[in-house]
Amino acid sequence: MLFLVAALLLIGVVMGTVAHAPLGFSLAAAAVIAVWLGIFALRERRGRRHTPTH
């Protein structure tokens, strides 16, 4: 429960920051985060595919 409260607080702080940032900066940051998440997803998928299941 504490983790959920902390996550919601962090989301509120980030969303508040994005609301005051210029649009170009927000879009650039969103693109960087999207690329990072895509790379992470590909690495996770590839790592699980090569690992034998028990």
C-alpha atoms as a PDB file:
ATOM      1  CA  MET A   1       0.000   0.000   0.000  1.00  0.00           C
ATOM      2  CA  LEU A   2       2.847   2.346   0.828  1.00  0.00           C
ATOM      3  CA  PHE A   3       4.405   1.619  -2.575  1.00  0.00           C
ATOM      4  CA  LEU A   4       1.150   2.643  -4.283  1.00  0.00           C
ATOM      5  CA  VAL A   5       1.006   5.907  -2.364  1.00  0.00           C
ATOM      6  CA  ALA A   6       4.637   6.676  -3.215  1.00  0.00           C
ATOM      7  CA  ALA A   7       4.045   5.867  -6.891  1.00  0.00           C
ATOM      8  CA  LEU A   8       0.992   8.132  -7.064  1.00  0.00           C
ATOM      9  CA  LEU A   9       2.914  10.936  -5.354  1.00  0.00           C
ATOM     10  CA  LEU A  10       5.773  10.564  -7.854  1.00  0.00           C
ATOM     11  CA  ILE A  11       3.350  10.585 -10.794  1.00  0.00           C
ATOM     12  CA  GLY A  12       1.757  13.753  -9.438  1.00  0.00           C
ATOM     13  CA  VAL A  13       5.127  15.481  -9.143  1.00  0.00           C
ATOM     14  CA  VAL A  14       6.165  14.428 -12.660  1.00  0.00           C
ATOM     15  CA  MET A  15       2.847  15.439 -14.226  1.00  0.00           C
ATOM     16  CA  GLY A  16       3.034  18.797 -12.473  1.00  0.00           C
ATOM     17  CA  THR A  17       6.533  19.339 -13.825  1.00  0.00           C
ATOM     18  CA  VAL A  18       5.493  18.414 -17.364  1.00  0.00           C
ATOM     19  CA  ALA A  19       2.599  20.865 -17.224  1.00  0.00           C
ATOM     20  CA  HIS A  20       5.053  23.737 -16.668  1.00  0.00           C
ATOM     21  CA  ALA A  21       7.745  22.568 -19.114  1.00  0.00           C
ATOM     22  CA  PRO A  22       7.827  23.711 -22.747  1.00  0.00           C
ATOM     23  CA  LEU A  23       6.062  21.417 -25.223  1.00  0.00           C
ATOM     24  CA  GLY A  24       9.255  20.624 -27.151  1.00  0.00           C
ATOM     25  CA  PHE A  25      11.045  19.505 -24.000  1.00  0.00           C
ATOM     26  CA  SER A  26       8.094  17.362 -22.941  1.00  0.00           C
ATOM     27  CA  LEU A  27       7.922  15.658 -26.332  1.00  0.00           C
ATOM     28  CA  ALA A  28      11.691  15.057 -26.387  1.00  0.00           C
ATOM     29  CA  ALA A  29      11.602  13.575 -22.890  1.00  0.00           C
ATOM     30  CA  ALA A  30       8.648  11.381 -23.843  1.00  0.00           C
ATOM     31  CA  ALA A  31      10.534  10.127 -26.921  1.00  0.00           C
ATOM     32  CA  VAL A  32      13.621   9.286 -24.853  1.00  0.00           C
ATOM     33  CA  ILE A  33      11.519   7.406 -22.302  1.00  0.00           C
ATOM     34  CA  ALA A  34       9.653   5.529 -25.058  1.00  0.00           C
ATOM     35  CA  VAL A  35      12.922   4.430 -26.693  1.00  0.00           C
ATOM     36  CA  TRP A  36      14.339   3.355 -23.338  1.00  0.00           C
ATOM     37  CA  LEU A  37      11.212   1.312 -22.542  1.00  0.00           C
ATOM     38  CA  GLY A  38      11.291  -0.260 -26.018  1.00  0.00           C
ATOM     39  CA  ILE A  39      14.915  -1.321 -25.605  1.00  0.00           C
ATOM     40  CA  PHE A  40      14.161  -2.675 -22.142  1.00  0.00           C
ATOM     41  CA  ALA A  41      11.178  -4.673 -23.465  1.00  0.00           C
ATOM     42  CA  LEU A  42      13.236  -6.154 -26.300  1.00  0.00           C
ATOM     43  CA  ARG A  43      16.045  -7.165 -23.935  1.00  0.00           C
ATOM     44  CA  GLU A  44      13.585  -8.748 -21.513  1.00  0.00           C
ATOM     45  CA  ARG A  45      11.813 -10.647 -24.276  1.00  0.00           C
ATOM     46  CA  ARG A  46      15.086 -11.876 -25.777  1.00  0.00           C
ATOM     47  CA  GLY A  47      16.451 -12.852 -22.359  1.00  0.00           C
ATOM     48  CA  ARG A  48      13.418 -14.903 -21.441  1.00  0.00           C
ATOM     49  CA  ARG A  49      13.365 -16.651 -24.793  1.00  0.00           C
ATOM     50  CA  HIS A  50      16.885 -18.067 -24.294  1.00  0.00           C
ATOM     51  CA  THR A  51      16.400 -19.070 -20.669  1.00  0.00           C
ATOM     52  CA  PRO A  52      15.227 -22.674 -20.195  1.00  0.00           C
ATOM     53  CA  THR A  53      11.985 -23.058 -18.282  1.00  0.00           C
ATOM     54  CA  HIS A  54      11.959 -25.171 -15.115  1.00  0.00           C
END
